[in-house]
Amino acid sequence: MTTTTVGGWSAWGPVTPEEKKIFTEATHGLVGVIYTPQLVSTQLVAGTNYRFKCQASLVSPAIGQWEAIVQIYQPLKGAPHITHITPV
């Protein structure tokens, strides 16, 4: 995991296996678009916010690919969930 200061976002860094697990849990059930995390930035709050820089593509690859930021919140207790997806 990258170094994080409370309230501030960390620098972008490689996705660890633990962060990949959080991403997979939060995005489980999404249909139509495939998001592949490339980098991650974190923010410590009452839990942890994650910004995953992803390669995104429609299930039909003929449509093309783009980058997106998938923001996920991991509360202190409970399951992580998506809070926002922004095409870049």
PDB file of N, CA and C in Angstrom:
ATOM      1  N   MET A   1       0.845  -1.181   0.000  1.00  0.00           N
ATOM      2  CA  MET A   1       0.000   0.000   0.000  1.00  0.00           C
ATOM      3  C   MET A   1       0.888   1.240   0.000  1.00  0.00           C
ATOM      4  N   THR A   2       0.471   2.262  -0.722  1.00  0.00           N
ATOM      5  CA  THR A   2       1.242   3.494  -0.787  1.00  0.00           C
ATOM      6  C   THR A   2       1.089   4.287   0.509  1.00  0.00           C
ATOM      7  N   THR A   3       2.040   5.178   0.790  1.00  0.00           N
ATOM      8  CA  THR A   3       1.999   5.994   1.997  1.00  0.00           C
ATOM      9  C   THR A   3       0.878   7.010   1.892  1.00  0.00           C
ATOM     10  N   THR A   4       0.079   7.134   2.940  1.00  0.00           N
ATOM     11  CA  THR A   4      -1.084   8.015   2.943  1.00  0.00           C
ATOM     12  C   THR A   4      -1.061   8.884   4.189  1.00  0.00           C
ATOM     13  N   THR A   5      -1.382  10.165   4.029  1.00  0.00           N
ATOM     14  CA  THR A   5      -1.548  11.037   5.177  1.00  0.00           C
ATOM     15  C   THR A   5      -3.038  11.220   5.418  1.00  0.00           C
ATOM     16  N   VAL A   6      -3.428  11.359   6.675  1.00  0.00           N
ATOM     17  CA  VAL A   6      -4.837  11.502   7.015  1.00  0.00           C
ATOM     18  C   VAL A   6      -5.417  12.716   6.302  1.00  0.00           C
ATOM     19  N   GLY A   7      -6.499  12.501   5.556  1.00  0.00           N
ATOM     20  CA  GLY A   7      -7.191  13.576   4.854  1.00  0.00           C
ATOM     21  C   GLY A   7      -6.633  13.908   3.487  1.00  0.00           C
ATOM     22  N   GLY A   8      -5.387  13.569   3.201  1.00  0.00           N
ATOM     23  CA  GLY A   8      -4.794  13.880   1.900  1.00  0.00           C
ATOM     24  C   GLY A   8      -4.682  12.633   1.044  1.00  0.00           C
ATOM     25  N   TRP A   9      -4.656  12.839  -0.254  1.00  0.00           N
ATOM     26  CA  TRP A   9      -4.509  11.713  -1.186  1.00  0.00           C
ATOM     27  C   TRP A   9      -3.038  11.349  -1.329  1.00  0.00           C
ATOM     28  N   SER A  10      -2.765  10.074  -1.388  1.00  0.00           N
ATOM     29  CA  SER A  10      -1.402   9.598  -1.632  1.00  0.00           C
ATOM     30  C   SER A  10      -1.065   9.785  -3.103  1.00  0.00           C
ATOM     31  N   ALA A  11       0.206   9.656  -3.425  1.00  0.00           N
ATOM     32  CA  ALA A  11       0.627   9.646  -4.830  1.00  0.00           C
ATOM     33  C   ALA A  11       0.093   8.365  -5.482  1.00  0.00           C
ATOM     34  N   TRP A  12      -0.064   8.399  -6.803  1.00  0.00           N
ATOM     35  CA  TRP A  12      -0.477   7.194  -7.532  1.00  0.00           C
ATOM     36  C   TRP A  12       0.619   6.149  -7.412  1.00  0.00           C
ATOM     37  N   GLY A  13       0.217   4.890  -7.223  1.00  0.00           N
ATOM     38  CA  GLY A  13       1.183   3.806  -7.134  1.00  0.00           C
ATOM     39  C   GLY A  13       0.584   2.513  -7.644  1.00  0.00           C
ATOM     40  N   PRO A  14       1.379   1.455  -7.675  1.00  0.00           N
ATOM     41  CA  PRO A  14       0.878   0.163  -8.148  1.00  0.00           C
ATOM     42  C   PRO A  14      -0.197  -0.403  -7.213  1.00  0.00           C
ATOM     43  N   VAL A  15      -1.090  -1.175  -7.778  1.00  0.00           N
ATOM     44  CA  VAL A  15      -2.181  -1.787  -7.025  1.00  0.00           C
ATOM     45  C   VAL A  15      -1.657  -3.048  -6.326  1.00  0.00           C
ATOM     46  N   THR A  16      -1.825  -3.097  -5.005  1.00  0.00           N
ATOM     47  CA  THR A  16      -1.394  -4.267  -4.242  1.00  0.00           C
ATOM     48  C   THR A  16      -2.473  -5.356  -4.322  1.00  0.00           C
ATOM     49  N   PRO A  17      -2.124  -6.587  -3.967  1.00  0.00           N
ATOM     50  CA  PRO A  17      -3.142  -7.646  -3.943  1.00  0.00           C
ATOM     51  C   PRO A  17      -4.329  -7.311  -3.026  1.00  0.00           C
ATOM     52  N   GLU A  18      -4.067  -6.689  -1.879  1.00  0.00           N
ATOM     53  CA  GLU A  18      -5.152  -6.306  -0.964  1.00  0.00           C
ATOM     54  C   GLU A  18      -6.074  -5.266  -1.607  1.00  0.00           C
ATOM     55  N   GLU A  19      -5.483  -4.278  -2.284  1.00  0.00           N
ATOM     56  CA  GLU A  19      -6.288  -3.249  -2.960  1.00  0.00           C
ATOM     57  C   GLU A  19      -7.079  -3.853  -4.126  1.00  0.00           C
ATOM     58  N   LYS A  20      -6.481  -4.807  -4.834  1.00  0.00           N
ATOM     59  CA  LYS A  20      -7.174  -5.501  -5.924  1.00  0.00           C
ATOM     60  C   LYS A  20      -8.397  -6.239  -5.390  1.00  0.00           C
ATOM     61  N   LYS A  21      -8.255  -6.852  -4.204  1.00  0.00           N
ATOM     62  CA  LYS A  21      -9.372  -7.558  -3.581  1.00  0.00           C
ATOM     63  C   LYS A  21     -10.512  -6.586  -3.262  1.00  0.00           C
ATOM     64  N   ILE A  22     -10.188  -5.411  -2.724  1.00  0.00           N
ATOM     65  CA  ILE A  22     -11.189  -4.384  -2.420  1.00  0.00           C
ATOM     66  C   ILE A  22     -11.873  -3.935  -3.704  1.00  0.00           C
ATOM     67  N   PHE A  23     -11.079  -3.703  -4.762  1.00  0.00           N
ATOM     68  CA  PHE A  23     -11.632  -3.291  -6.056  1.00  0.00           C
ATOM     69  C   PHE A  23     -12.593  -4.350  -6.586  1.00  0.00           C
ATOM     70  N   THR A  24     -12.183  -5.594  -6.548  1.00  0.00           N
ATOM     71  CA  THR A  24     -13.004  -6.698  -7.065  1.00  0.00           C
ATOM     72  C   THR A  24     -14.304  -6.820  -6.290  1.00  0.00           C
ATOM     73  N   GLU A  25     -14.238  -6.711  -4.970  1.00  0.00           N
ATOM     74  CA  GLU A  25     -15.444  -6.800  -4.150  1.00  0.00           C
ATOM     75  C   GLU A  25     -16.413  -5.656  -4.455  1.00  0.00           C
ATOM     76  N   ALA A  26     -15.889  -4.452  -4.578  1.00  0.00           N
ATOM     77  CA  ALA A  26     -16.744  -3.283  -4.812  1.00  0.00           C
ATOM     78  C   ALA A  26     -17.356  -3.281  -6.214  1.00  0.00           C
ATOM     79  N   THR A  27     -16.648  -3.812  -7.195  1.00  0.00           N
ATOM     80  CA  THR A  27     -17.143  -3.767  -8.578  1.00  0.00           C
ATOM     81  C   THR A  27     -17.892  -5.041  -8.976  1.00  0.00           C
ATOM     82  N   HIS A  28     -17.975  -6.000  -8.078  1.00  0.00           N
ATOM     83  CA  HIS A  28     -18.700  -7.238  -8.371  1.00  0.00           C
ATOM     84  C   HIS A  28     -20.144  -6.922  -8.776  1.00  0.00           C
ATOM     85  N   GLY A  29     -20.556  -7.461  -9.880  1.00  0.00           N
ATOM     86  CA  GLY A  29     -21.927  -7.245 -10.334  1.00  0.00           C
ATOM     87  C   GLY A  29     -22.081  -6.143 -11.378  1.00  0.00           C
ATOM     88  N   LEU A  30     -21.022  -5.353 -11.618  1.00  0.00           N
ATOM     89  CA  LEU A  30     -21.109  -4.351 -12.684  1.00  0.00           C
ATOM     90  C   LEU A  30     -21.198  -5.079 -14.024  1.00  0.00           C
ATOM     91  N   VAL A  31     -22.047  -4.606 -14.902  1.00  0.00           N
ATOM     92  CA  VAL A  31     -22.177  -5.226 -16.219  1.00  0.00           C
ATOM     93  C   VAL A  31     -22.004  -4.179 -17.309  1.00  0.00           C
ATOM     94  N   GLY A  32     -21.546  -4.630 -18.463  1.00  0.00           N
ATOM     95  CA  GLY A  32     -21.442  -3.755 -19.623  1.00  0.00           C
ATOM     96  C   GLY A  32     -20.069  -3.156 -19.848  1.00  0.00           C
ATOM     97  N   VAL A  33     -19.373  -2.799 -18.775  1.00  0.00           N
ATOM     98  CA  VAL A  33     -18.037  -2.209 -18.879  1.00  0.00           C
ATOM     99  C   VAL A  33     -17.079  -3.022 -18.019  1.00  0.00           C
ATOM    100  N   ILE A  34     -15.913  -3.290 -18.564  1.00  0.00           N
ATOM    101  CA  ILE A  34     -14.861  -3.985 -17.818  1.00  0.00           C
ATOM    102  C   ILE A  34     -13.839  -2.946 -17.373  1.00  0.00           C
ATOM    103  N   TYR A  35     -13.606  -2.847 -16.070  1.00  0.00           N
ATOM    104  CA  TYR A  35     -12.615  -1.925 -15.513  1.00  0.00           C
ATOM    105  C   TYR A  35     -11.418  -2.734 -15.028  1.00  0.00           C
ATOM    106  N   THR A  36     -10.219  -2.358 -15.501  1.00  0.00           N
ATOM    107  CA  THR A  36      -8.990  -3.021 -15.099  1.00  0.00           C
ATOM    108  C   THR A  36      -8.105  -1.995 -14.388  1.00  0.00           C
ATOM    109  N   PRO A  37      -7.927  -2.125 -13.058  1.00  0.00           N
ATOM    110  CA  PRO A  37      -7.140  -1.120 -12.335  1.00  0.00           C
ATOM    111  C   PRO A  37      -5.663  -1.148 -12.720  1.00  0.00           C
ATOM    112  N   GLN A  38      -5.104   0.035 -12.955  1.00  0.00           N
ATOM    113  CA  GLN A  38      -3.699   0.181 -13.324  1.00  0.00           C
ATOM    114  C   GLN A  38      -2.879   0.802 -12.189  1.00  0.00           C
ATOM    115  N   LEU A  39      -3.451   1.824 -11.539  1.00  0.00           N
ATOM    116  CA  LEU A  39      -2.790   2.549 -10.444  1.00  0.00           C
ATOM    117  C   LEU A  39      -3.822   2.859  -9.368  1.00  0.00           C
ATOM    118  N   VAL A  40      -3.351   3.162  -8.159  1.00  0.00           N
ATOM    119  CA  VAL A  40      -4.257   3.497  -7.061  1.00  0.00           C
ATOM    120  C   VAL A  40      -3.685   4.646  -6.237  1.00  0.00           C
ATOM    121  N   SER A  41      -4.601   5.451  -5.692  1.00  0.00           N
ATOM    122  CA  SER A  41      -4.276   6.516  -4.754  1.00  0.00           C
ATOM    123  C   SER A  41      -5.267   6.368  -3.600  1.00  0.00           C
ATOM    124  N   THR A  42      -4.807   6.594  -2.367  1.00  0.00           N
ATOM    125  CA  THR A  42      -5.683   6.402  -1.210  1.00  0.00           C
ATOM    126  C   THR A  42      -5.773   7.666  -0.362  1.00  0.00           C
ATOM    127  N   GLN A  43      -6.872   7.730   0.407  1.00  0.00           N
ATOM    128  CA  GLN A  43      -7.112   8.837   1.325  1.00  0.00           C
ATOM    129  C   GLN A  43      -7.702   8.247   2.597  1.00  0.00           C
ATOM    130  N   LEU A  44      -7.033   8.491   3.734  1.00  0.00           N
ATOM    131  CA  LEU A  44      -7.551   8.011   5.015  1.00  0.00           C
ATOM    132  C   LEU A  44      -8.582   8.992   5.548  1.00  0.00           C
ATOM    133  N   VAL A  45      -9.766   8.480   5.814  1.00  0.00           N
ATOM    134  CA  VAL A  45     -10.853   9.237   6.427  1.00  0.00           C
ATOM    135  C   VAL A  45     -11.406   8.320   7.517  1.00  0.00           C
ATOM    136  N   ALA A  46     -12.688   8.347   7.791  1.00  0.00           N
ATOM    137  CA  ALA A  46     -13.285   7.348   8.691  1.00  0.00           C
ATOM    138  C   ALA A  46     -13.477   6.090   7.851  1.00  0.00           C
ATOM    139  N   GLY A  47     -12.386   5.441   7.548  1.00  0.00           N
ATOM    140  CA  GLY A  47     -12.310   4.356   6.574  1.00  0.00           C
ATOM    141  C   GLY A  47     -11.247   4.774   5.571  1.00  0.00           C
ATOM    142  N   THR A  48     -11.330   4.266   4.364  1.00  0.00           N
ATOM    143  CA  THR A  48     -10.364   4.630   3.329  1.00  0.00           C
ATOM    144  C   THR A  48     -11.078   4.860   2.000  1.00  0.00           C
ATOM    145  N   ASN A  49     -10.750   5.971   1.352  1.00  0.00           N
ATOM    146  CA  ASN A  49     -11.184   6.215  -0.019  1.00  0.00           C
ATOM    147  C   ASN A  49     -10.083   5.731  -0.948  1.00  0.00           C
ATOM    148  N   TYR A  50     -10.482   5.086  -2.028  1.00  0.00           N
ATOM    149  CA  TYR A  50      -9.544   4.616  -3.045  1.00  0.00           C
ATOM    150  C   TYR A  50      -9.924   5.249  -4.373  1.00  0.00           C
ATOM    151  N   ARG A  51      -8.925   5.746  -5.099  1.00  0.00           N
ATOM    152  CA  ARG A  51      -9.115   6.167  -6.491  1.00  0.00           C
ATOM    153  C   ARG A  51      -8.297   5.205  -7.338  1.00  0.00           C
ATOM    154  N   PHE A  52      -8.981   4.418  -8.146  1.00  0.00           N
ATOM    155  CA  PHE A  52      -8.303   3.485  -9.038  1.00  0.00           C
ATOM    156  C   PHE A  52      -8.312   4.063 -10.442  1.00  0.00           C
ATOM    157  N   LYS A  53      -7.122   4.268 -11.014  1.00  0.00           N
ATOM    158  CA  LYS A  53      -7.014   4.681 -12.415  1.00  0.00           C
ATOM    159  C   LYS A  53      -7.105   3.392 -13.223  1.00  0.00           C
ATOM    160  N   CYS A  54      -8.138   3.297 -14.067  1.00  0.00           N
ATOM    161  CA  CYS A  54      -8.442   2.045 -14.750  1.00  0.00           C
ATOM    162  C   CYS A  54      -8.432   2.191 -16.262  1.00  0.00           C
ATOM    163  N   GLN A  55      -8.177   1.078 -16.922  1.00  0.00           N
ATOM    164  CA  GLN A  55      -8.442   0.942 -18.344  1.00  0.00           C
ATOM    165  C   GLN A  55      -9.860   0.398 -18.412  1.00  0.00           C
ATOM    166  N   ALA A  56     -10.727   1.068 -19.164  1.00  0.00           N
ATOM    167  CA  ALA A  56     -12.120   0.654 -19.262  1.00  0.00           C
ATOM    168  C   ALA A  56     -12.435   0.266 -20.702  1.00  0.00           C
ATOM    169  N   SER A  57     -13.287  -0.724 -20.847  1.00  0.00           N
ATOM    170  CA  SER A  57     -13.739  -1.120 -22.184  1.00  0.00           C
ATOM    171  C   SER A  57     -15.121  -1.737 -22.063  1.00  0.00           C
ATOM    172  N   LEU A  58     -15.879  -1.586 -23.135  1.00  0.00           N
ATOM    173  CA  LEU A  58     -17.176  -2.242 -23.177  1.00  0.00           C
ATOM    174  C   LEU A  58     -16.953  -3.734 -23.350  1.00  0.00           C
ATOM    175  N   VAL A  59     -17.940  -4.500 -22.972  1.00  0.00           N
ATOM    176  CA  VAL A  59     -17.826  -5.944 -23.120  1.00  0.00           C
ATOM    177  C   VAL A  59     -17.511  -6.297 -24.565  1.00  0.00           C
ATOM    178  N   SER A  60     -18.052  -5.514 -25.517  1.00  0.00           N
ATOM    179  CA  SER A  60     -17.728  -5.682 -26.930  1.00  0.00           C
ATOM    180  C   SER A  60     -16.500  -4.820 -27.242  1.00  0.00           C
ATOM    181  N   PRO A  61     -15.315  -5.427 -27.420  1.00  0.00           N
ATOM    182  CA  PRO A  61     -14.093  -4.643 -27.606  1.00  0.00           C
ATOM    183  C   PRO A  61     -14.072  -3.808 -28.885  1.00  0.00           C
ATOM    184  N   ALA A  62     -14.984  -4.050 -29.802  1.00  0.00           N
ATOM    185  CA  ALA A  62     -15.012  -3.275 -31.045  1.00  0.00           C
ATOM    186  C   ALA A  62     -15.346  -1.806 -30.780  1.00  0.00           C
ATOM    187  N   ILE A  63     -15.943  -1.503 -29.658  1.00  0.00           N
ATOM    188  CA  ILE A  63     -16.352  -0.127 -29.340  1.00  0.00           C
ATOM    189  C   ILE A  63     -15.166   0.731 -28.936  1.00  0.00           C
ATOM    190  N   GLY A  64     -14.140   0.157 -28.357  1.00  0.00           N
ATOM    191  CA  GLY A  64     -12.962   0.932 -27.976  1.00  0.00           C
ATOM    192  C   GLY A  64     -12.689   0.893 -26.494  1.00  0.00           C
ATOM    193  N   GLN A  65     -11.619   1.591 -26.109  1.00  0.00           N
ATOM    194  CA  GLN A  65     -11.204   1.644 -24.715  1.00  0.00           C
ATOM    195  C   GLN A  65     -10.991   3.093 -24.303  1.00  0.00           C
ATOM    196  N   TRP A  66     -11.038   3.345 -23.011  1.00  0.00           N
ATOM    197  CA  TRP A  66     -10.787   4.666 -22.455  1.00  0.00           C
ATOM    198  C   TRP A  66     -10.285   4.492 -21.031  1.00  0.00           C
ATOM    199  N   GLU A  67      -9.825   5.573 -20.432  1.00  0.00           N
ATOM    200  CA  GLU A  67      -9.418   5.544 -19.033  1.00  0.00           C
ATOM    201  C   GLU A  67     -10.556   6.068 -18.170  1.00  0.00           C
ATOM    202  N   ALA A  68     -10.615   5.579 -16.951  1.00  0.00           N
ATOM    203  CA  ALA A  68     -11.624   6.033 -15.998  1.00  0.00           C
ATOM    204  C   ALA A  68     -11.028   5.977 -14.597  1.00  0.00           C
ATOM    205  N   ILE A  69     -11.542   6.836 -13.730  1.00  0.00           N
ATOM    206  CA  ILE A  69     -11.207   6.804 -12.315  1.00  0.00           C
ATOM    207  C   ILE A  69     -12.409   6.191 -11.594  1.00  0.00           C
ATOM    208  N   VAL A  70     -12.171   5.078 -10.926  1.00  0.00           N
ATOM    209  CA  VAL A  70     -13.217   4.422 -10.141  1.00  0.00           C
ATOM    210  C   VAL A  70     -12.908   4.712  -8.684  1.00  0.00           C
ATOM    211  N   GLN A  71     -13.808   5.449  -8.029  1.00  0.00           N
ATOM    212  CA  GLN A  71     -13.604   5.801  -6.629  1.00  0.00           C
ATOM    213  C   GLN A  71     -14.422   4.865  -5.750  1.00  0.00           C
ATOM    214  N   ILE A  72     -13.760   4.292  -4.751  1.00  0.00           N
ATOM    215  CA  ILE A  72     -14.364   3.304  -3.862  1.00  0.00           C
ATOM    216  C   ILE A  72     -14.126   3.724  -2.418  1.00  0.00           C
ATOM    217  N   TYR A  73     -15.162   3.545  -1.601  1.00  0.00           N
ATOM    218  CA  TYR A  73     -15.037   3.812  -0.168  1.00  0.00           C
ATOM    219  C   TYR A  73     -15.066   2.485   0.591  1.00  0.00           C
ATOM    220  N   GLN A  74     -14.058   2.272   1.443  1.00  0.00           N
ATOM    221  CA  GLN A  74     -13.998   1.108   2.323  1.00  0.00           C
ATOM    222  C   GLN A  74     -14.227   1.605   3.741  1.00  0.00           C
ATOM    223  N   PRO A  75     -15.444   1.403   4.288  1.00  0.00           N
ATOM    224  CA  PRO A  75     -15.701   1.852   5.661  1.00  0.00           C
ATOM    225  C   PRO A  75     -14.903   1.017   6.661  1.00  0.00           C
ATOM    226  N   LEU A  76     -14.818   1.514   7.888  1.00  0.00           N
ATOM    227  CA  LEU A  76     -14.108   0.776   8.934  1.00  0.00           C
ATOM    228  C   LEU A  76     -14.752  -0.591   9.164  1.00  0.00           C
ATOM    229  N   LYS A  77     -16.075  -0.648   9.053  1.00  0.00           N
ATOM    230  CA  LYS A  77     -16.816  -1.907   9.168  1.00  0.00           C
ATOM    231  C   LYS A  77     -17.761  -1.987   7.976  1.00  0.00           C
ATOM    232  N   GLY A  78     -17.782  -3.130   7.336  1.00  0.00           N
ATOM    233  CA  GLY A  78     -18.690  -3.313   6.209  1.00  0.00           C
ATOM    234  C   GLY A  78     -17.959  -3.456   4.891  1.00  0.00           C
ATOM    235  N   ALA A  79     -18.738  -3.605   3.844  1.00  0.00           N
ATOM    236  CA  ALA A  79     -18.201  -3.880   2.513  1.00  0.00           C
ATOM    237  C   ALA A  79     -17.826  -2.587   1.774  1.00  0.00           C
ATOM    238  N   PRO A  80     -16.788  -2.655   0.933  1.00  0.00           N
ATOM    239  CA  PRO A  80     -16.439  -1.494   0.110  1.00  0.00           C
ATOM    240  C   PRO A  80     -17.506  -1.294  -0.963  1.00  0.00           C
ATOM    241  N   HIS A  81     -17.673  -0.038  -1.401  1.00  0.00           N
ATOM    242  CA  HIS A  81     -18.648   0.239  -2.457  1.00  0.00           C
ATOM    243  C   HIS A  81     -18.173   1.401  -3.322  1.00  0.00           C
ATOM    244  N   ILE A  82     -18.624   1.405  -4.551  1.00  0.00           N
ATOM    245  CA  ILE A  82     -18.277   2.467  -5.493  1.00  0.00           C
ATOM    246  C   ILE A  82     -19.001   3.741  -5.108  1.00  0.00           C
ATOM    247  N   THR A  83     -18.277   4.854  -5.112  1.00  0.00           N
ATOM    248  CA  THR A  83     -18.901   6.149  -4.848  1.00  0.00           C
ATOM    249  C   THR A  83     -18.985   6.998  -6.110  1.00  0.00           C
ATOM    250  N   HIS A  84     -18.099   6.726  -7.086  1.00  0.00           N
ATOM    251  CA  HIS A  84     -18.101   7.539  -8.299  1.00  0.00           C
ATOM    252  C   HIS A  84     -17.236   6.875  -9.386  1.00  0.00           C
ATOM    253  N   ILE A  85     -17.672   6.998 -10.621  1.00  0.00           N
ATOM    254  CA  ILE A  85     -16.866   6.583 -11.769  1.00  0.00           C
ATOM    255  C   ILE A  85     -16.798   7.759 -12.722  1.00  0.00           C
ATOM    256  N   THR A  86     -15.572   8.181 -13.056  1.00  0.00           N
ATOM    257  CA  THR A  86     -15.351   9.339 -13.924  1.00  0.00           C
ATOM    258  C   THR A  86     -14.531   8.952 -15.135  1.00  0.00           C
ATOM    259  N   PRO A  87     -15.089   9.084 -16.351  1.00  0.00           N
ATOM    260  CA  PRO A  87     -14.266   8.861 -17.544  1.00  0.00           C
ATOM    261  C   PRO A  87     -13.189   9.949 -17.621  1.00  0.00           C
ATOM    262  N   VAL A  88     -12.000   9.576 -18.055  1.00  0.00           N
ATOM    263  CA  VAL A  88     -10.904  10.538 -18.161  1.00  0.00           C
ATOM    264  C   VAL A  88     -10.647  10.834 -19.629  1.00  0.00           C
TER     265      VAL A  88
END
